[in-house]
Amino acid sequence: MVSEAGDSGDSFYVVDQGSVRVLDQDRVVRTMVRGEGFGEIALLGRTTRTMTVRAVDDARLCGISSDVFIPALTSMTEARAAAEATRRSYLGHSPGTVQQEPDPRQ
């Protein structure tokens, strides 16, 4: 397993090798392969994962944590505002998602 729905998330991942399945409970939403990524909402602000992701085979992932990404993003005011608006919009359309405010130290 890569991540479980409901777990706290703080990273974005790109599939470098193999594949992963994105699950909404037991229903397969999609299969992701090399070059595809997931976890963008967690990257923009610590939130709970909305889907479960499981490796199908010997998947290799490359990741970036919000601790690295956010400081780079916040150095550009317009980019930070656009990212925050996107995160809030997405979470507003995900029933049952627990929203956590970004760390004020960032």
PDB file of N, CA and C in Angstrom:
ATOM      1  N   MET A   1       0.847  -1.174   0.000  1.00  0.00           N
ATOM      2  CA  MET A   1       0.000   0.000   0.000  1.00  0.00           C
ATOM      3  C   MET A   1       0.894   1.241   0.000  1.00  0.00           C
ATOM      4  N   VAL A   2       0.489   2.246  -0.739  1.00  0.00           N
ATOM      5  CA  VAL A   2       1.206   3.515  -0.800  1.00  0.00           C
ATOM      6  C   VAL A   2       0.608   4.494   0.199  1.00  0.00           C
ATOM      7  N   SER A   3      -0.704   4.670   0.151  1.00  0.00           N
ATOM      8  CA  SER A   3      -1.391   5.551   1.109  1.00  0.00           C
ATOM      9  C   SER A   3      -2.825   5.080   1.281  1.00  0.00           C
ATOM     10  N   GLU A   4      -3.383   5.405   2.438  1.00  0.00           N
ATOM     11  CA  GLU A   4      -4.737   4.975   2.777  1.00  0.00           C
ATOM     12  C   GLU A   4      -5.642   6.197   2.922  1.00  0.00           C
ATOM     13  N   ALA A   5      -6.851   6.113   2.385  1.00  0.00           N
ATOM     14  CA  ALA A   5      -7.828   7.196   2.563  1.00  0.00           C
ATOM     15  C   ALA A   5      -7.982   7.476   4.047  1.00  0.00           C
ATOM     16  N   GLY A   6      -7.981   8.758   4.404  1.00  0.00           N
ATOM     17  CA  GLY A   6      -8.120   9.157   5.800  1.00  0.00           C
ATOM     18  C   GLY A   6      -6.798   9.432   6.487  1.00  0.00           C
ATOM     19  N   ASP A   7      -5.699   8.907   5.934  1.00  0.00           N
ATOM     20  CA  ASP A   7      -4.377   9.194   6.498  1.00  0.00           C
ATOM     21  C   ASP A   7      -4.017  10.650   6.236  1.00  0.00           C
ATOM     22  N   SER A   8      -3.196  11.200   7.092  1.00  0.00           N
ATOM     23  CA  SER A   8      -2.700  12.548   6.876  1.00  0.00           C
ATOM     24  C   SER A   8      -1.734  12.530   5.699  1.00  0.00           C
ATOM     25  N   GLY A   9      -1.850  13.512   4.823  1.00  0.00           N
ATOM     26  CA  GLY A   9      -0.973  13.571   3.658  1.00  0.00           C
ATOM     27  C   GLY A   9      -0.175  14.851   3.624  1.00  0.00           C
ATOM     28  N   ASP A  10       1.073  14.757   3.173  1.00  0.00           N
ATOM     29  CA  ASP A  10       1.902  15.951   3.062  1.00  0.00           C
ATOM     30  C   ASP A  10       2.858  15.872   1.880  1.00  0.00           C
ATOM     31  N   SER A  11       2.588  14.944   0.944  1.00  0.00           N
ATOM     32  CA  SER A  11       3.505  14.761  -0.185  1.00  0.00           C
ATOM     33  C   SER A  11       2.761  14.471  -1.474  1.00  0.00           C
ATOM     34  N   PHE A  12       3.421  14.787  -2.583  1.00  0.00           N
ATOM     35  CA  PHE A  12       2.956  14.499  -3.933  1.00  0.00           C
ATOM     36  C   PHE A  12       3.890  13.448  -4.516  1.00  0.00           C
ATOM     37  N   TYR A  13       3.349  12.506  -5.268  1.00  0.00           N
ATOM     38  CA  TYR A  13       4.143  11.422  -5.847  1.00  0.00           C
ATOM     39  C   TYR A  13       3.927  11.320  -7.347  1.00  0.00           C
ATOM     40  N   VAL A  14       4.983  10.951  -8.045  1.00  0.00           N
ATOM     41  CA  VAL A  14       4.927  10.648  -9.468  1.00  0.00           C
ATOM     42  C   VAL A  14       5.378   9.205  -9.630  1.00  0.00           C
ATOM     43  N   VAL A  15       4.638   8.442 -10.429  1.00  0.00           N
ATOM     44  CA  VAL A  15       5.016   7.057 -10.697  1.00  0.00           C
ATOM     45  C   VAL A  15       6.219   7.074 -11.644  1.00  0.00           C
ATOM     46  N   ASP A  16       7.323   6.522 -11.187  1.00  0.00           N
ATOM     47  CA  ASP A  16       8.544   6.458 -11.991  1.00  0.00           C
ATOM     48  C   ASP A  16       8.651   5.109 -12.709  1.00  0.00           C
ATOM     49  N   GLN A  17       8.144   4.072 -12.065  1.00  0.00           N
ATOM     50  CA  GLN A  17       8.214   2.722 -12.634  1.00  0.00           C
ATOM     51  C   GLN A  17       7.036   1.912 -12.112  1.00  0.00           C
ATOM     52  N   GLY A  18       6.498   1.031 -12.914  1.00  0.00           N
ATOM     53  CA  GLY A  18       5.377   0.204 -12.497  1.00  0.00           C
ATOM     54  C   GLY A  18       4.064   0.958 -12.572  1.00  0.00           C
ATOM     55  N   SER A  19       3.120   0.563 -11.717  1.00  0.00           N
ATOM     56  CA  SER A  19       1.815   1.205 -11.711  1.00  0.00           C
ATOM     57  C   SER A  19       1.183   1.124 -10.331  1.00  0.00           C
ATOM     58  N   VAL A  20       0.209   2.012 -10.106  1.00  0.00           N
ATOM     59  CA  VAL A  20      -0.547   2.029  -8.858  1.00  0.00           C
ATOM     60  C   VAL A  20      -2.025   2.141  -9.196  1.00  0.00           C
ATOM     61  N   ARG A  21      -2.855   1.668  -8.274  1.00  0.00           N
ATOM     62  CA  ARG A  21      -4.305   1.795  -8.432  1.00  0.00           C
ATOM     63  C   ARG A  21      -4.822   2.782  -7.400  1.00  0.00           C
ATOM     64  N   VAL A  22      -5.706   3.650  -7.854  1.00  0.00           N
ATOM     65  CA  VAL A  22      -6.374   4.607  -6.981  1.00  0.00           C
ATOM     66  C   VAL A  22      -7.746   4.026  -6.669  1.00  0.00           C
ATOM     67  N   LEU A  23      -8.051   3.882  -5.376  1.00  0.00           N
ATOM     68  CA  LEU A  23      -9.285   3.248  -4.938  1.00  0.00           C
ATOM     69  C   LEU A  23     -10.145   4.188  -4.119  1.00  0.00           C
ATOM     70  N   ASP A  24     -11.442   4.164  -4.395  1.00  0.00           N
ATOM     71  CA  ASP A  24     -12.440   4.837  -3.566  1.00  0.00           C
ATOM     72  C   ASP A  24     -13.152   3.712  -2.833  1.00  0.00           C
ATOM     73  N   GLN A  25     -12.763   3.474  -1.604  1.00  0.00           N
ATOM     74  CA  GLN A  25     -13.140   2.289  -0.830  1.00  0.00           C
ATOM     75  C   GLN A  25     -12.635   1.076  -1.604  1.00  0.00           C
ATOM     76  N   ASP A  26     -13.515   0.197  -2.110  1.00  0.00           N
ATOM     77  CA  ASP A  26     -13.057  -0.982  -2.854  1.00  0.00           C
ATOM     78  C   ASP A  26     -13.153  -0.806  -4.366  1.00  0.00           C
ATOM     79  N   ARG A  27     -13.625   0.356  -4.821  1.00  0.00           N
ATOM     80  CA  ARG A  27     -13.816   0.593  -6.257  1.00  0.00           C
ATOM     81  C   ARG A  27     -12.562   1.212  -6.861  1.00  0.00           C
ATOM     82  N   VAL A  28     -12.063   0.590  -7.932  1.00  0.00           N
ATOM     83  CA  VAL A  28     -10.903   1.132  -8.632  1.00  0.00           C
ATOM     84  C   VAL A  28     -11.346   2.350  -9.437  1.00  0.00           C
ATOM     85  N   VAL A  29     -10.752   3.502  -9.126  1.00  0.00           N
ATOM     86  CA  VAL A  29     -11.066   4.747  -9.814  1.00  0.00           C
ATOM     87  C   VAL A  29     -10.224   4.863 -11.072  1.00  0.00           C
ATOM     88  N   ARG A  30      -8.942   4.517 -10.946  1.00  0.00           N
ATOM     89  CA  ARG A  30      -8.052   4.544 -12.099  1.00  0.00           C
ATOM     90  C   ARG A  30      -6.752   3.849 -11.764  1.00  0.00           C
ATOM     91  N   THR A  31      -6.027   3.505 -12.806  1.00  0.00           N
ATOM     92  CA  THR A  31      -4.684   2.965 -12.669  1.00  0.00           C
ATOM     93  C   THR A  31      -3.728   4.004 -13.227  1.00  0.00           C
ATOM     94  N   MET A  32      -2.669   4.279 -12.485  1.00  0.00           N
ATOM     95  CA  MET A  32      -1.699   5.284 -12.899  1.00  0.00           C
ATOM     96  C   MET A  32      -0.378   4.605 -13.241  1.00  0.00           C
ATOM     97  N   VAL A  33       0.261   5.098 -14.291  1.00  0.00           N
ATOM     98  CA  VAL A  33       1.517   4.533 -14.771  1.00  0.00           C
ATOM     99  C   VAL A  33       2.592   5.622 -14.811  1.00  0.00           C
ATOM    100  N   ARG A  34       3.747   5.246 -15.281  1.00  0.00           N
ATOM    101  CA  ARG A  34       4.900   6.140 -15.333  1.00  0.00           C
ATOM    102  C   ARG A  34       4.519   7.542 -15.830  1.00  0.00           C
ATOM    103  N   GLY A  35       4.966   8.539 -15.085  1.00  0.00           N
ATOM    104  CA  GLY A  35       4.730   9.929 -15.453  1.00  0.00           C
ATOM    105  C   GLY A  35       3.474  10.536 -14.856  1.00  0.00           C
ATOM    106  N   GLU A  36       2.589   9.719 -14.312  1.00  0.00           N
ATOM    107  CA  GLU A  36       1.368  10.243 -13.702  1.00  0.00           C
ATOM    108  C   GLU A  36       1.588  10.453 -12.212  1.00  0.00           C
ATOM    109  N   GLY A  37       0.870  11.435 -11.646  1.00  0.00           N
ATOM    110  CA  GLY A  37       1.088  11.774 -10.248  1.00  0.00           C
ATOM    111  C   GLY A  37      -0.185  11.880  -9.442  1.00  0.00           C
ATOM    112  N   PHE A  38      -0.013  11.817  -8.129  1.00  0.00           N
ATOM    113  CA  PHE A  38      -1.138  11.929  -7.199  1.00  0.00           C
ATOM    114  C   PHE A  38      -0.661  12.568  -5.899  1.00  0.00           C
ATOM    115  N   GLY A  39      -1.620  13.133  -5.157  1.00  0.00           N
ATOM    116  CA  GLY A  39      -1.314  13.743  -3.871  1.00  0.00           C
ATOM    117  C   GLY A  39      -1.142  15.249  -3.942  1.00  0.00           C
ATOM    118  N   GLU A  40      -1.599  15.859  -5.026  1.00  0.00           N
ATOM    119  CA  GLU A  40      -1.382  17.300  -5.207  1.00  0.00           C
ATOM    120  C   GLU A  40      -2.085  18.144  -4.150  1.00  0.00           C
ATOM    121  N   ILE A  41      -3.224  17.700  -3.669  1.00  0.00           N
ATOM    122  CA  ILE A  41      -3.929  18.478  -2.655  1.00  0.00           C
ATOM    123  C   ILE A  41      -3.171  18.429  -1.328  1.00  0.00           C
ATOM    124  N   ALA A  42      -2.637  17.279  -0.991  1.00  0.00           N
ATOM    125  CA  ALA A  42      -1.828  17.169   0.233  1.00  0.00           C
ATOM    126  C   ALA A  42      -0.552  17.987   0.117  1.00  0.00           C
ATOM    127  N   LEU A  43      -0.043  18.111  -1.075  1.00  0.00           N
ATOM    128  CA  LEU A  43       1.171  18.901  -1.292  1.00  0.00           C
ATOM    129  C   LEU A  43       0.912  20.376  -0.998  1.00  0.00           C
ATOM    130  N   LEU A  44      -0.273  20.859  -1.326  1.00  0.00           N
ATOM    131  CA  LEU A  44      -0.601  22.274  -1.155  1.00  0.00           C
ATOM    132  C   LEU A  44      -1.012  22.617   0.267  1.00  0.00           C
ATOM    133  N   GLY A  45      -1.408  21.659   1.032  1.00  0.00           N
ATOM    134  CA  GLY A  45      -1.808  21.902   2.413  1.00  0.00           C
ATOM    135  C   GLY A  45      -2.120  20.585   3.082  1.00  0.00           C
ATOM    136  N   ARG A  46      -1.598  20.382   4.245  1.00  0.00           N
ATOM    137  CA  ARG A  46      -1.769  19.095   4.938  1.00  0.00           C
ATOM    138  C   ARG A  46      -3.252  18.780   5.106  1.00  0.00           C
ATOM    139  N   THR A  47      -3.684  17.742   4.435  1.00  0.00           N
ATOM    140  CA  THR A  47      -5.075  17.305   4.494  1.00  0.00           C
ATOM    141  C   THR A  47      -5.092  15.790   4.617  1.00  0.00           C
ATOM    142  N   THR A  48      -6.265  15.253   4.850  1.00  0.00           N
ATOM    143  CA  THR A  48      -6.370  13.798   4.841  1.00  0.00           C
ATOM    144  C   THR A  48      -6.466  13.319   3.399  1.00  0.00           C
ATOM    145  N   ARG A  49      -5.945  12.139   3.156  1.00  0.00           N
ATOM    146  CA  ARG A  49      -6.005  11.543   1.821  1.00  0.00           C
ATOM    147  C   ARG A  49      -7.462  11.204   1.512  1.00  0.00           C
ATOM    148  N   THR A  50      -7.900  11.517   0.304  1.00  0.00           N
ATOM    149  CA  THR A  50      -9.288  11.255  -0.080  1.00  0.00           C
ATOM    150  C   THR A  50      -9.458   9.888  -0.730  1.00  0.00           C
ATOM    151  N   MET A  51      -8.370   9.297  -1.202  1.00  0.00           N
ATOM    152  CA  MET A  51      -8.411   7.990  -1.855  1.00  0.00           C
ATOM    153  C   MET A  51      -7.279   7.116  -1.320  1.00  0.00           C
ATOM    154  N   THR A  52      -7.425   5.818  -1.492  1.00  0.00           N
ATOM    155  CA  THR A  52      -6.363   4.864  -1.173  1.00  0.00           C
ATOM    156  C   THR A  52      -5.574   4.605  -2.444  1.00  0.00           C
ATOM    157  N   VAL A  53      -4.263   4.496  -2.331  1.00  0.00           N
ATOM    158  CA  VAL A  53      -3.408   4.188  -3.474  1.00  0.00           C
ATOM    159  C   VAL A  53      -2.600   2.944  -3.127  1.00  0.00           C
ATOM    160  N   ARG A  54      -2.662   1.954  -4.010  1.00  0.00           N
ATOM    161  CA  ARG A  54      -1.934   0.699  -3.810  1.00  0.00           C
ATOM    162  C   ARG A  54      -1.069   0.396  -5.022  1.00  0.00           C
ATOM    163  N   ALA A  55       0.127  -0.095  -4.756  1.00  0.00           N
ATOM    164  CA  ALA A  55       1.022  -0.511  -5.835  1.00  0.00           C
ATOM    165  C   ALA A  55       0.460  -1.774  -6.475  1.00  0.00           C
ATOM    166  N   VAL A  56       0.469  -1.826  -7.797  1.00  0.00           N
ATOM    167  CA  VAL A  56      -0.008  -2.996  -8.536  1.00  0.00           C
ATOM    168  C   VAL A  56       1.129  -3.999  -8.666  1.00  0.00           C
ATOM    169  N   ASP A  57       2.326  -3.497  -8.843  1.00  0.00           N
ATOM    170  CA  ASP A  57       3.510  -4.338  -9.043  1.00  0.00           C
ATOM    171  C   ASP A  57       4.673  -3.671  -8.315  1.00  0.00           C
ATOM    172  N   ASP A  58       5.878  -3.910  -8.737  1.00  0.00           N
ATOM    173  CA  ASP A  58       7.039  -3.277  -8.119  1.00  0.00           C
ATOM    174  C   ASP A  58       7.127  -1.819  -8.562  1.00  0.00           C
ATOM    175  N   ALA A  59       6.236  -1.032  -8.038  1.00  0.00           N
ATOM    176  CA  ALA A  59       6.187   0.380  -8.414  1.00  0.00           C
ATOM    177  C   ALA A  59       7.297   1.149  -7.699  1.00  0.00           C
ATOM    178  N   ARG A  60       7.857   2.102  -8.408  1.00  0.00           N
ATOM    179  CA  ARG A  60       8.819   3.031  -7.810  1.00  0.00           C
ATOM    180  C   ARG A  60       8.244   4.427  -7.982  1.00  0.00           C
ATOM    181  N   LEU A  61       8.205   5.174  -6.889  1.00  0.00           N
ATOM    182  CA  LEU A  61       7.626   6.506  -6.882  1.00  0.00           C
ATOM    183  C   LEU A  61       8.690   7.542  -6.548  1.00  0.00           C
ATOM    184  N   CYS A  62       8.530   8.725  -7.102  1.00  0.00           N
ATOM    185  CA  CYS A  62       9.358   9.876  -6.731  1.00  0.00           C
ATOM    186  C   CYS A  62       8.416  10.844  -6.044  1.00  0.00           C
ATOM    187  N   GLY A  63       8.844  11.400  -4.914  1.00  0.00           N
ATOM    188  CA  GLY A  63       7.960  12.275  -4.166  1.00  0.00           C
ATOM    189  C   GLY A  63       8.612  13.579  -3.769  1.00  0.00           C
ATOM    190  N   ILE A  64       7.748  14.529  -3.473  1.00  0.00           N
ATOM    191  CA  ILE A  64       8.178  15.809  -2.928  1.00  0.00           C
ATOM    192  C   ILE A  64       7.233  16.146  -1.784  1.00  0.00           C
ATOM    193  N   SER A  65       7.802  16.544  -0.647  1.00  0.00           N
ATOM    194  CA  SER A  65       6.973  16.863   0.516  1.00  0.00           C
ATOM    195  C   SER A  65       6.591  18.330   0.509  1.00  0.00           C
ATOM    196  N   SER A  66       5.523  18.627   1.213  1.00  0.00           N
ATOM    197  CA  SER A  66       5.084  20.017   1.307  1.00  0.00           C
ATOM    198  C   SER A  66       6.126  20.871   2.024  1.00  0.00           C
ATOM    199  N   ASP A  67       6.931  20.268   2.899  1.00  0.00           N
ATOM    200  CA  ASP A  67       7.975  21.007   3.609  1.00  0.00           C
ATOM    201  C   ASP A  67       9.017  21.585   2.653  1.00  0.00           C
ATOM    202  N   VAL A  68       9.198  20.956   1.507  1.00  0.00           N
ATOM    203  CA  VAL A  68      10.135  21.443   0.497  1.00  0.00           C
ATOM    204  C   VAL A  68       9.416  22.329  -0.516  1.00  0.00           C
ATOM    205  N   PHE A  69       8.229  21.892  -0.927  1.00  0.00           N
ATOM    206  CA  PHE A  69       7.502  22.574  -1.993  1.00  0.00           C
ATOM    207  C   PHE A  69       6.931  23.925  -1.574  1.00  0.00           C
ATOM    208  N   ILE A  70       6.280  23.976  -0.414  1.00  0.00           N
ATOM    209  CA  ILE A  70       5.579  25.187   0.010  1.00  0.00           C
ATOM    210  C   ILE A  70       6.510  26.398   0.131  1.00  0.00           C
ATOM    211  N   PRO A  71       7.690  26.288   0.741  1.00  0.00           N
ATOM    212  CA  PRO A  71       8.558  27.467   0.791  1.00  0.00           C
ATOM    213  C   PRO A  71       8.911  28.015  -0.594  1.00  0.00           C
ATOM    214  N   ALA A  72       9.113  27.122  -1.547  1.00  0.00           N
ATOM    215  CA  ALA A  72       9.403  27.584  -2.909  1.00  0.00           C
ATOM    216  C   ALA A  72       8.176  28.283  -3.496  1.00  0.00           C
ATOM    217  N   LEU A  73       7.012  27.720  -3.266  1.00  0.00           N
ATOM    218  CA  LEU A  73       5.774  28.288  -3.797  1.00  0.00           C
ATOM    219  C   LEU A  73       5.428  29.614  -3.141  1.00  0.00           C
ATOM    220  N   THR A  74       5.601  29.698  -1.837  1.00  0.00           N
ATOM    221  CA  THR A  74       5.190  30.910  -1.126  1.00  0.00           C
ATOM    222  C   THR A  74       6.096  32.093  -1.418  1.00  0.00           C
ATOM    223  N   SER A  75       7.224  31.842  -2.023  1.00  0.00           N
ATOM    224  CA  SER A  75       8.077  32.966  -2.406  1.00  0.00           C
ATOM    225  C   SER A  75       7.472  33.713  -3.593  1.00  0.00           C
ATOM    226  N   MET A  76       6.442  33.135  -4.214  1.00  0.00           N
ATOM    227  CA  MET A  76       5.736  33.762  -5.335  1.00  0.00           C
ATOM    228  C   MET A  76       4.286  33.970  -4.911  1.00  0.00           C
ATOM    229  N   THR A  77       3.925  35.164  -4.502  1.00  0.00           N
ATOM    230  CA  THR A  77       2.623  35.465  -3.930  1.00  0.00           C
ATOM    231  C   THR A  77       1.457  35.042  -4.813  1.00  0.00           C
ATOM    232  N   GLU A  78       1.499  35.355  -6.096  1.00  0.00           N
ATOM    233  CA  GLU A  78       0.391  34.999  -6.983  1.00  0.00           C
ATOM    234  C   GLU A  78       0.247  33.485  -7.120  1.00  0.00           C
ATOM    235  N   ALA A  79       1.361  32.770  -7.174  1.00  0.00           N
ATOM    236  CA  ALA A  79       1.309  31.310  -7.282  1.00  0.00           C
ATOM    237  C   ALA A  79       0.700  30.706  -6.026  1.00  0.00           C
ATOM    238  N   ARG A  80       1.066  31.224  -4.860  1.00  0.00           N
ATOM    239  CA  ARG A  80       0.527  30.720  -3.594  1.00  0.00           C
ATOM    240  C   ARG A  80      -0.982  30.938  -3.540  1.00  0.00           C
ATOM    241  N   ALA A  81      -1.454  32.103  -3.948  1.00  0.00           N
ATOM    242  CA  ALA A  81      -2.885  32.394  -3.933  1.00  0.00           C
ATOM    243  C   ALA A  81      -3.644  31.464  -4.878  1.00  0.00           C
ATOM    244  N   ALA A  82      -3.098  31.228  -6.049  1.00  0.00           N
ATOM    245  CA  ALA A  82      -3.743  30.325  -7.014  1.00  0.00           C
ATOM    246  C   ALA A  82      -3.772  28.892  -6.487  1.00  0.00           C
ATOM    247  N   ALA A  83      -2.689  28.456  -5.879  1.00  0.00           N
ATOM    248  CA  ALA A  83      -2.623  27.094  -5.330  1.00  0.00           C
ATOM    249  C   ALA A  83      -3.621  26.920  -4.196  1.00  0.00           C
ATOM    250  N   GLU A  84      -3.714  27.900  -3.326  1.00  0.00           N
ATOM    251  CA  GLU A  84      -4.649  27.830  -2.200  1.00  0.00           C
ATOM    252  C   GLU A  84      -6.093  27.826  -2.684  1.00  0.00           C
ATOM    253  N   ALA A  85      -6.408  28.619  -3.689  1.00  0.00           N
ATOM    254  CA  ALA A  85      -7.764  28.639  -4.246  1.00  0.00           C
ATOM    255  C   ALA A  85      -8.116  27.283  -4.863  1.00  0.00           C
ATOM    256  N   THR A  86      -7.162  26.669  -5.534  1.00  0.00           N
ATOM    257  CA  THR A  86      -7.379  25.344  -6.130  1.00  0.00           C
ATOM    258  C   THR A  86      -7.627  24.301  -5.052  1.00  0.00           C
ATOM    259  N   ARG A  87      -6.824  24.330  -4.000  1.00  0.00           N
ATOM    260  CA  ARG A  87      -6.978  23.359  -2.906  1.00  0.00           C
ATOM    261  C   ARG A  87      -8.346  23.506  -2.254  1.00  0.00           C
ATOM    262  N   ARG A  88      -8.741  24.728  -1.947  1.00  0.00           N
ATOM    263  CA  ARG A  88     -10.034  24.957  -1.298  1.00  0.00           C
ATOM    264  C   ARG A  88     -11.198  24.532  -2.196  1.00  0.00           C
ATOM    265  N   SER A  89     -11.093  24.796  -3.489  1.00  0.00           N
ATOM    266  CA  SER A  89     -12.138  24.409  -4.432  1.00  0.00           C
ATOM    267  C   SER A  89     -12.274  22.895  -4.487  1.00  0.00           C
ATOM    268  N   TYR A  90     -11.151  22.204  -4.582  1.00  0.00           N
ATOM    269  CA  TYR A  90     -11.184  20.744  -4.655  1.00  0.00           C
ATOM    270  C   TYR A  90     -11.791  20.158  -3.382  1.00  0.00           C
ATOM    271  N   LEU A  91     -11.340  20.615  -2.235  1.00  0.00           N
ATOM    272  CA  LEU A  91     -11.832  20.068  -0.978  1.00  0.00           C
ATOM    273  C   LEU A  91     -13.295  20.405  -0.756  1.00  0.00           C
ATOM    274  N   GLY A  92     -13.759  21.488  -1.329  1.00  0.00           N
ATOM    275  CA  GLY A  92     -15.168  21.848  -1.214  1.00  0.00           C
ATOM    276  C   GLY A  92     -16.069  20.889  -1.963  1.00  0.00           C
ATOM    277  N   HIS A  93     -15.504  20.159  -2.924  1.00  0.00           N
ATOM    278  CA  HIS A  93     -16.270  19.193  -3.716  1.00  0.00           C
ATOM    279  C   HIS A  93     -16.033  17.765  -3.281  1.00  0.00           C
ATOM    280  N   SER A  94     -15.344  17.557  -2.166  1.00  0.00           N
ATOM    281  CA  SER A  94     -15.047  16.211  -1.665  1.00  0.00           C
ATOM    282  C   SER A  94     -15.747  16.004  -0.330  1.00  0.00           C
ATOM    283  N   PRO A  95     -16.986  15.502  -0.337  1.00  0.00           N
ATOM    284  CA  PRO A  95     -17.722  15.303   0.908  1.00  0.00           C
ATOM    285  C   PRO A  95     -16.942  14.411   1.868  1.00  0.00           C
ATOM    286  N   GLY A  96     -16.989  14.767   3.132  1.00  0.00           N
ATOM    287  CA  GLY A  96     -16.341  13.956   4.147  1.00  0.00           C
ATOM    288  C   GLY A  96     -14.864  14.235   4.315  1.00  0.00           C
ATOM    289  N   THR A  97     -14.304  15.117   3.514  1.00  0.00           N
ATOM    290  CA  THR A  97     -12.892  15.428   3.620  1.00  0.00           C
ATOM    291  C   THR A  97     -12.671  16.398   4.766  1.00  0.00           C
ATOM    292  N   VAL A  98     -11.722  16.084   5.614  1.00  0.00           N
ATOM    293  CA  VAL A  98     -11.378  16.960   6.720  1.00  0.00           C
ATOM    294  C   VAL A  98     -10.382  17.982   6.220  1.00  0.00           C
ATOM    295  N   GLN A  99     -10.734  19.245   6.351  1.00  0.00           N
ATOM    296  CA  GLN A  99      -9.833  20.313   5.927  1.00  0.00           C
ATOM    297  C   GLN A  99      -8.981  20.742   7.098  1.00  0.00           C
ATOM    298  N   GLN A 100      -7.699  20.873   6.856  1.00  0.00           N
ATOM    299  CA  GLN A 100      -6.775  21.383   7.839  1.00  0.00           C
ATOM    300  C   GLN A 100      -6.141  22.620   7.268  1.00  0.00           C
ATOM    301  N   GLU A 101      -6.073  23.653   8.068  1.00  0.00           N
ATOM    302  CA  GLU A 101      -5.482  24.889   7.594  1.00  0.00           C
ATOM    303  C   GLU A 101      -3.983  24.716   7.457  1.00  0.00           C
ATOM    304  N   PRO A 102      -3.376  25.414   6.480  1.00  0.00           N
ATOM    305  CA  PRO A 102      -1.928  25.344   6.308  1.00  0.00           C
ATOM    306  C   PRO A 102      -1.224  25.819   7.570  1.00  0.00           C
ATOM    307  N   ASP A 103      -0.045  25.301   7.795  1.00  0.00           N
ATOM    308  CA  ASP A 103       0.787  25.677   8.924  1.00  0.00           C
ATOM    309  C   ASP A 103       1.110  27.162   8.807  1.00  0.00           C
ATOM    310  N   PRO A 104       0.762  28.009   9.795  1.00  0.00           N
ATOM    311  CA  PRO A 104       0.995  29.449   9.697  1.00  0.00           C
ATOM    312  C   PRO A 104       2.476  29.802   9.653  1.00  0.00           C
ATOM    313  N   ARG A 105       3.346  28.877  10.012  1.00  0.00           N
ATOM    314  CA  ARG A 105       4.789  29.142   9.978  1.00  0.00           C
ATOM    315  C   ARG A 105       5.314  29.099   8.566  1.00  0.00           C
ATOM    316  N   GLN A 106       4.481  28.667   7.621  1.00  0.00           N
ATOM    317  CA  GLN A 106       4.952  28.520   6.239  1.00  0.00           C
ATOM    318  C   GLN A 106       4.603  29.715   5.418  1.00  0.00           C
TER     319      GLN A 106
END
